[in-house]
């Protein structure tokens, strides 16, 4: 259940198209045509796609666990 907030944060960043900006800011990268961070950015894009796919499933599991406890 701890993955839901993280997945929602990544999903929100991807909806706003900020993942590239955040990645460059946190990595200290400048905008260049080809950089060493391109492979790492590919990992960020992969994590974004996983969060898009897992967010609805995690949300359903989260709500289901709350309903079961009540």
PDB file of N, CA and C in Angstrom:
ATOM      1  N   UNK A   1       0.806  -1.198   0.000  1.00  0.00           N
ATOM      2  CA  UNK A   1       0.000   0.000   0.000  1.00  0.00           C
ATOM      3  C   UNK A   1       0.854   1.269   0.000  1.00  0.00           C
ATOM      4  N   UNK A   2       2.105   1.127   0.346  1.00  0.00           N
ATOM      5  CA  UNK A   2       2.977   2.294   0.375  1.00  0.00           C
ATOM      6  C   UNK A   2       3.358   2.779  -1.017  1.00  0.00           C
ATOM      7  N   UNK A   3       3.130   1.972  -2.023  1.00  0.00           N
ATOM      8  CA  UNK A   3       3.472   2.366  -3.388  1.00  0.00           C
ATOM      9  C   UNK A   3       2.471   3.352  -3.983  1.00  0.00           C
ATOM     10  N   UNK A   4       1.253   3.398  -3.445  1.00  0.00           N
ATOM     11  CA  UNK A   4       0.226   4.267  -4.020  1.00  0.00           C
ATOM     12  C   UNK A   4       0.636   5.734  -4.012  1.00  0.00           C
ATOM     13  N   UNK A   5       1.078   6.319  -2.899  1.00  0.00           N
ATOM     14  CA  UNK A   5       1.473   7.737  -2.957  1.00  0.00           C
ATOM     15  C   UNK A   5       2.611   7.995  -3.934  1.00  0.00           C
ATOM     16  N   UNK A   6       3.577   7.103  -3.976  1.00  0.00           N
ATOM     17  CA  UNK A   6       4.690   7.285  -4.915  1.00  0.00           C
ATOM     18  C   UNK A   6       4.216   7.207  -6.363  1.00  0.00           C
ATOM     19  N   UNK A   7       3.354   6.246  -6.648  1.00  0.00           N
ATOM     20  CA  UNK A   7       2.834   6.110  -8.009  1.00  0.00           C
ATOM     21  C   UNK A   7       2.001   7.319  -8.398  1.00  0.00           C
ATOM     22  N   UNK A   8       1.243   7.860  -7.452  1.00  0.00           N
ATOM     23  CA  UNK A   8       0.436   9.046  -7.750  1.00  0.00           C
ATOM     24  C   UNK A   8       1.312  10.274  -7.987  1.00  0.00           C
ATOM     25  N   UNK A   9       2.405  10.390  -7.255  1.00  0.00           N
ATOM     26  CA  UNK A   9       3.323  11.515  -7.476  1.00  0.00           C
ATOM     27  C   UNK A   9       3.945  11.431  -8.860  1.00  0.00           C
ATOM     28  N   UNK A  10       4.423  10.268  -9.238  1.00  0.00           N
ATOM     29  CA  UNK A  10       5.031  10.099 -10.561  1.00  0.00           C
ATOM     30  C   UNK A  10       3.991  10.319 -11.654  1.00  0.00           C
ATOM     31  N   UNK A  11       2.768   9.833 -11.432  1.00  0.00           N
ATOM     32  CA  UNK A  11       1.696  10.031 -12.412  1.00  0.00           C
ATOM     33  C   UNK A  11       1.375  11.516 -12.558  1.00  0.00           C
ATOM     34  N   UNK A  12       1.299  12.237 -11.442  1.00  0.00           N
ATOM     35  CA  UNK A  12       1.018  13.675 -11.509  1.00  0.00           C
ATOM     36  C   UNK A  12       2.134  14.422 -12.239  1.00  0.00           C
ATOM     37  N   UNK A  13       3.379  14.062 -11.974  1.00  0.00           N
ATOM     38  CA  UNK A  13       4.488  14.700 -12.674  1.00  0.00           C
ATOM     39  C   UNK A  13       4.437  14.422 -14.169  1.00  0.00           C
ATOM     40  N   UNK A  14       4.055  13.203 -14.532  1.00  0.00           N
ATOM     41  CA  UNK A  14       3.992  12.888 -15.958  1.00  0.00           C
ATOM     42  C   UNK A  14       2.806  13.576 -16.627  1.00  0.00           C
ATOM     43  N   UNK A  15       1.703  13.735 -15.901  1.00  0.00           N
ATOM     44  CA  UNK A  15       0.572  14.471 -16.464  1.00  0.00           C
ATOM     45  C   UNK A  15       0.944  15.924 -16.736  1.00  0.00           C
ATOM     46  N   UNK A  16       1.747  16.492 -15.877  1.00  0.00           N
ATOM     47  CA  UNK A  16       2.184  17.875 -16.057  1.00  0.00           C
ATOM     48  C   UNK A  16       3.426  17.974 -16.934  1.00  0.00           C
ATOM     49  N   UNK A  17       3.933  16.822 -17.362  1.00  0.00           N
ATOM     50  CA  UNK A  17       5.131  16.753 -18.207  1.00  0.00           C
ATOM     51  C   UNK A  17       6.328  17.398 -17.521  1.00  0.00           C
ATOM     52  N   UNK A  18       6.457  17.154 -16.226  1.00  0.00           N
ATOM     53  CA  UNK A  18       7.543  17.746 -15.461  1.00  0.00           C
ATOM     54  C   UNK A  18       8.657  16.766 -15.137  1.00  0.00           C
ATOM     55  N   UNK A  19       8.501  15.497 -15.515  1.00  0.00           N
ATOM     56  CA  UNK A  19       9.515  14.529 -15.105  1.00  0.00           C
ATOM     57  C   UNK A  19      10.879  14.852 -15.694  1.00  0.00           C
ATOM     58  N   UNK A  20      10.913  15.380 -16.909  1.00  0.00           N
ATOM     59  CA  UNK A  20      12.194  15.722 -17.526  1.00  0.00           C
ATOM     60  C   UNK A  20      12.821  16.913 -16.810  1.00  0.00           C
ATOM     61  N   UNK A  21      12.011  17.891 -16.450  1.00  0.00           N
ATOM     62  CA  UNK A  21      12.514  19.069 -15.744  1.00  0.00           C
ATOM     63  C   UNK A  21      13.024  18.682 -14.359  1.00  0.00           C
ATOM     64  N   UNK A  22      12.243  17.868 -13.637  1.00  0.00           N
ATOM     65  CA  UNK A  22      12.657  17.437 -12.302  1.00  0.00           C
ATOM     66  C   UNK A  22      13.923  16.601 -12.386  1.00  0.00           C
ATOM     67  N   UNK A  23      13.980  15.719 -13.358  1.00  0.00           N
ATOM     68  CA  UNK A  23      15.170  14.874 -13.510  1.00  0.00           C
ATOM     69  C   UNK A  23      16.395  15.727 -13.793  1.00  0.00           C
ATOM     70  N   UNK A  24      16.283  16.697 -14.673  1.00  0.00           N
ATOM     71  CA  UNK A  24      17.419  17.565 -14.978  1.00  0.00           C
ATOM     72  C   UNK A  24      17.818  18.400 -13.770  1.00  0.00           C
ATOM     73  N   UNK A  25      16.841  18.911 -13.033  1.00  0.00           N
ATOM     74  CA  UNK A  25      17.130  19.739 -11.864  1.00  0.00           C
ATOM     75  C   UNK A  25      17.824  18.927 -10.776  1.00  0.00           C
ATOM     76  N   UNK A  26      17.298  17.754 -10.480  1.00  0.00           N
ATOM     77  CA  UNK A  26      17.865  16.942  -9.408  1.00  0.00           C
ATOM     78  C   UNK A  26      19.206  16.341  -9.804  1.00  0.00           C
ATOM     79  N   UNK A  27      19.394  16.107 -11.088  1.00  0.00           N
ATOM     80  CA  UNK A  27      20.647  15.534 -11.553  1.00  0.00           C
ATOM     81  C   UNK A  27      21.699  16.564 -11.886  1.00  0.00           C
ATOM     82  N   UNK A  28      21.319  17.844 -11.870  1.00  0.00           N
ATOM     83  CA  UNK A  28      22.263  18.902 -12.183  1.00  0.00           C
ATOM     84  C   UNK A  28      22.649  18.927 -13.647  1.00  0.00           C
ATOM     85  N   UNK A  29      21.751  18.466 -14.503  1.00  0.00           N
ATOM     86  CA  UNK A  29      22.042  18.411 -15.933  1.00  0.00           C
ATOM     87  C   UNK A  29      21.591  19.689 -16.623  1.00  0.00           C
ATOM     88  N   UNK A  30      22.313  20.041 -17.660  1.00  0.00           N
ATOM     89  CA  UNK A  30      21.906  21.157 -18.497  1.00  0.00           C
ATOM     90  C   UNK A  30      21.258  20.604 -19.753  1.00  0.00           C
ATOM     91  N   UNK A  31      20.461  21.436 -20.407  1.00  0.00           N
ATOM     92  CA  UNK A  31      19.824  20.998 -21.643  1.00  0.00           C
ATOM     93  C   UNK A  31      20.849  20.936 -22.764  1.00  0.00           C
ATOM     94  N   UNK A  32      21.191  19.751 -23.167  1.00  0.00           N
ATOM     95  CA  UNK A  32      22.083  19.529 -24.294  1.00  0.00           C
ATOM     96  C   UNK A  32      21.404  18.554 -25.232  1.00  0.00           C
ATOM     97  N   UNK A  33      21.907  18.487 -26.424  1.00  0.00           N
ATOM     98  CA  UNK A  33      21.279  17.609 -27.409  1.00  0.00           C
ATOM     99  C   UNK A  33      21.473  16.140 -27.052  1.00  0.00           C
ATOM    100  N   UNK A  34      22.647  15.752 -26.633  1.00  0.00           N
ATOM    101  CA  UNK A  34      22.946  14.371 -26.250  1.00  0.00           C
ATOM    102  C   UNK A  34      23.751  14.423 -24.965  1.00  0.00           C
ATOM    103  N   UNK A  35      23.275  13.703 -23.949  1.00  0.00           N
ATOM    104  CA  UNK A  35      23.984  13.748 -22.674  1.00  0.00           C
ATOM    105  C   UNK A  35      24.136  12.345 -22.109  1.00  0.00           C
ATOM    106  N   UNK A  36      24.913  12.250 -21.057  1.00  0.00           N
ATOM    107  CA  UNK A  36      25.115  10.963 -20.414  1.00  0.00           C
ATOM    108  C   UNK A  36      23.888  10.551 -19.617  1.00  0.00           C
ATOM    109  N   UNK A  37      22.970  11.476 -19.366  1.00  0.00           N
ATOM    110  CA  UNK A  37      21.774  11.183 -18.599  1.00  0.00           C
ATOM    111  C   UNK A  37      20.638  10.612 -19.423  1.00  0.00           C
ATOM    112  N   UNK A  38      20.859  10.397 -20.710  1.00  0.00           N
ATOM    113  CA  UNK A  38      19.782   9.888 -21.563  1.00  0.00           C
ATOM    114  C   UNK A  38      19.329   8.497 -21.148  1.00  0.00           C
ATOM    115  N   UNK A  39      20.255   7.650 -20.766  1.00  0.00           N
ATOM    116  CA  UNK A  39      19.881   6.303 -20.324  1.00  0.00           C
ATOM    117  C   UNK A  39      19.122   6.367 -19.007  1.00  0.00           C
ATOM    118  N   UNK A  40      19.571   7.238 -18.121  1.00  0.00           N
ATOM    119  CA  UNK A  40      18.874   7.394 -16.846  1.00  0.00           C
ATOM    120  C   UNK A  40      17.482   7.973 -17.073  1.00  0.00           C
ATOM    121  N   UNK A  41      17.346   8.879 -18.028  1.00  0.00           N
ATOM    122  CA  UNK A  41      16.032   9.428 -18.355  1.00  0.00           C
ATOM    123  C   UNK A  41      15.122   8.337 -18.899  1.00  0.00           C
ATOM    124  N   UNK A  42      15.678   7.387 -19.619  1.00  0.00           N
ATOM    125  CA  UNK A  42      14.896   6.244 -20.092  1.00  0.00           C
ATOM    126  C   UNK A  42      14.330   5.439 -18.937  1.00  0.00           C
ATOM    127  N   UNK A  43      15.105   5.310 -17.869  1.00  0.00           N
ATOM    128  CA  UNK A  43      14.619   4.616 -16.673  1.00  0.00           C
ATOM    129  C   UNK A  43      13.478   5.410 -16.048  1.00  0.00           C
ATOM    130  N   UNK A  44      13.607   6.735 -16.011  1.00  0.00           N
ATOM    131  CA  UNK A  44      12.550   7.577 -15.456  1.00  0.00           C
ATOM    132  C   UNK A  44      11.272   7.430 -16.275  1.00  0.00           C
ATOM    133  N   UNK A  45      11.393   7.385 -17.584  1.00  0.00           N
ATOM    134  CA  UNK A  45      10.221   7.204 -18.441  1.00  0.00           C
ATOM    135  C   UNK A  45       9.598   5.833 -18.197  1.00  0.00           C
ATOM    136  N   UNK A  46      10.421   4.809 -18.015  1.00  0.00           N
ATOM    137  CA  UNK A  46       9.900   3.474 -17.725  1.00  0.00           C
ATOM    138  C   UNK A  46       9.138   3.471 -16.394  1.00  0.00           C
ATOM    139  N   UNK A  47       9.695   4.126 -15.364  1.00  0.00           N
ATOM    140  CA  UNK A  47       9.009   4.220 -14.081  1.00  0.00           C
ATOM    141  C   UNK A  47       7.700   4.991 -14.196  1.00  0.00           C
ATOM    142  N   UNK A  48       7.685   5.996 -15.058  1.00  0.00           N
ATOM    143  CA  UNK A  48       6.457   6.748 -15.300  1.00  0.00           C
ATOM    144  C   UNK A  48       5.391   5.860 -15.911  1.00  0.00           C
ATOM    145  N   UNK A  49       5.777   5.057 -16.888  1.00  0.00           N
ATOM    146  CA  UNK A  49       4.807   4.154 -17.520  1.00  0.00           C
ATOM    147  C   UNK A  49       4.301   3.117 -16.519  1.00  0.00           C
ATOM    148  N   UNK A  50       5.186   2.589 -15.677  1.00  0.00           N
ATOM    149  CA  UNK A  50       4.766   1.631 -14.659  1.00  0.00           C
ATOM    150  C   UNK A  50       3.800   2.271 -13.664  1.00  0.00           C
ATOM    151  N   UNK A  51       4.068   3.509 -13.290  1.00  0.00           N
ATOM    152  CA  UNK A  51       3.171   4.172 -12.346  1.00  0.00           C
ATOM    153  C   UNK A  51       1.814   4.444 -12.972  1.00  0.00           C
ATOM    154  N   UNK A  52       1.791   4.747 -14.267  1.00  0.00           N
ATOM    155  CA  UNK A  52       0.522   4.932 -14.982  1.00  0.00           C
ATOM    156  C   UNK A  52      -0.291   3.646 -14.948  1.00  0.00           C
ATOM    157  N   UNK A  53       0.385   2.534 -15.146  1.00  0.00           N
ATOM    158  CA  UNK A  53      -0.318   1.251 -15.174  1.00  0.00           C
ATOM    159  C   UNK A  53      -0.717   0.774 -13.781  1.00  0.00           C
ATOM    160  N   UNK A  54       0.121   1.020 -12.794  1.00  0.00           N
ATOM    161  CA  UNK A  54      -0.134   0.502 -11.454  1.00  0.00           C
ATOM    162  C   UNK A  54      -1.023   1.395 -10.590  1.00  0.00           C
ATOM    163  N   UNK A  55      -1.130   2.672 -10.907  1.00  0.00           N
ATOM    164  CA  UNK A  55      -1.923   3.575 -10.075  1.00  0.00           C
ATOM    165  C   UNK A  55      -3.375   3.136  -9.914  1.00  0.00           C
ATOM    166  N   UNK A  56      -4.091   2.797 -10.981  1.00  0.00           N
ATOM    167  CA  UNK A  56      -5.485   2.357 -10.787  1.00  0.00           C
ATOM    168  C   UNK A  56      -5.582   1.061  -9.982  1.00  0.00           C
ATOM    169  N   UNK A  57      -4.680   0.129 -10.228  1.00  0.00           N
ATOM    170  CA  UNK A  57      -4.696  -1.141  -9.508  1.00  0.00           C
ATOM    171  C   UNK A  57      -4.411  -0.911  -8.028  1.00  0.00           C
ATOM    172  N   UNK A  58      -3.414  -0.092  -7.726  1.00  0.00           N
ATOM    173  CA  UNK A  58      -3.083   0.205  -6.336  1.00  0.00           C
ATOM    174  C   UNK A  58      -4.208   0.971  -5.648  1.00  0.00           C
ATOM    175  N   UNK A  59      -4.862   1.875  -6.370  1.00  0.00           N
ATOM    176  CA  UNK A  59      -5.974   2.615  -5.798  1.00  0.00           C
ATOM    177  C   UNK A  59      -7.130   1.692  -5.441  1.00  0.00           C
ATOM    178  N   UNK A  60      -7.440   0.753  -6.331  1.00  0.00           N
ATOM    179  CA  UNK A  60      -8.508  -0.214  -6.063  1.00  0.00           C
ATOM    180  C   UNK A  60      -8.142  -1.084  -4.863  1.00  0.00           C
ATOM    181  N   UNK A  61      -6.896  -1.539  -4.798  1.00  0.00           N
ATOM    182  CA  UNK A  61      -6.456  -2.354  -3.662  1.00  0.00           C
ATOM    183  C   UNK A  61      -6.504  -1.557  -2.367  1.00  0.00           C
ATOM    184  N   UNK A  62      -6.133  -0.299  -2.422  1.00  0.00           N
ATOM    185  CA  UNK A  62      -6.144   0.568  -1.247  1.00  0.00           C
ATOM    186  C   UNK A  62      -7.571   0.759  -0.732  1.00  0.00           C
ATOM    187  N   UNK A  63      -8.501   1.084  -1.641  1.00  0.00           N
ATOM    188  CA  UNK A  63      -9.898   1.283  -1.250  1.00  0.00           C
ATOM    189  C   UNK A  63     -10.502  -0.023  -0.745  1.00  0.00           C
ATOM    190  N   UNK A  64     -10.179  -1.129  -1.393  1.00  0.00           N
ATOM    191  CA  UNK A  64     -10.690  -2.429  -0.957  1.00  0.00           C
ATOM    192  C   UNK A  64     -10.208  -2.773   0.448  1.00  0.00           C
ATOM    193  N   UNK A  65      -8.963  -2.502   0.750  1.00  0.00           N
ATOM    194  CA  UNK A  65      -8.461  -2.799   2.092  1.00  0.00           C
ATOM    195  C   UNK A  65      -9.109  -1.903   3.139  1.00  0.00           C
ATOM    196  N   UNK A  66      -9.413  -0.663   2.799  1.00  0.00           N
ATOM    197  CA  UNK A  66     -10.107   0.219   3.737  1.00  0.00           C
ATOM    198  C   UNK A  66     -11.520  -0.272   4.005  1.00  0.00           C
ATOM    199  N   UNK A  67     -12.223  -0.690   2.931  1.00  0.00           N
ATOM    200  CA  UNK A  67     -13.592  -1.174   3.085  1.00  0.00           C
ATOM    201  C   UNK A  67     -13.612  -2.463   3.906  1.00  0.00           C
ATOM    202  N   UNK A  68     -12.670  -3.336   3.704  1.00  0.00           N
ATOM    203  CA  UNK A  68     -12.618  -4.587   4.471  1.00  0.00           C
ATOM    204  C   UNK A  68     -12.369  -4.344   5.949  1.00  0.00           C
ATOM    205  N   UNK A  69     -11.572  -3.345   6.281  1.00  0.00           N
ATOM    206  CA  UNK A  69     -11.281  -3.057   7.686  1.00  0.00           C
ATOM    207  C   UNK A  69     -12.493  -2.496   8.414  1.00  0.00           C
ATOM    208  N   UNK A  70     -13.357  -1.823   7.709  1.00  0.00           N
ATOM    209  CA  UNK A  70     -14.547  -1.246   8.331  1.00  0.00           C
ATOM    210  C   UNK A  70     -15.600  -2.305   8.388  1.00  0.00           C
TER     211      UNK A  70
END
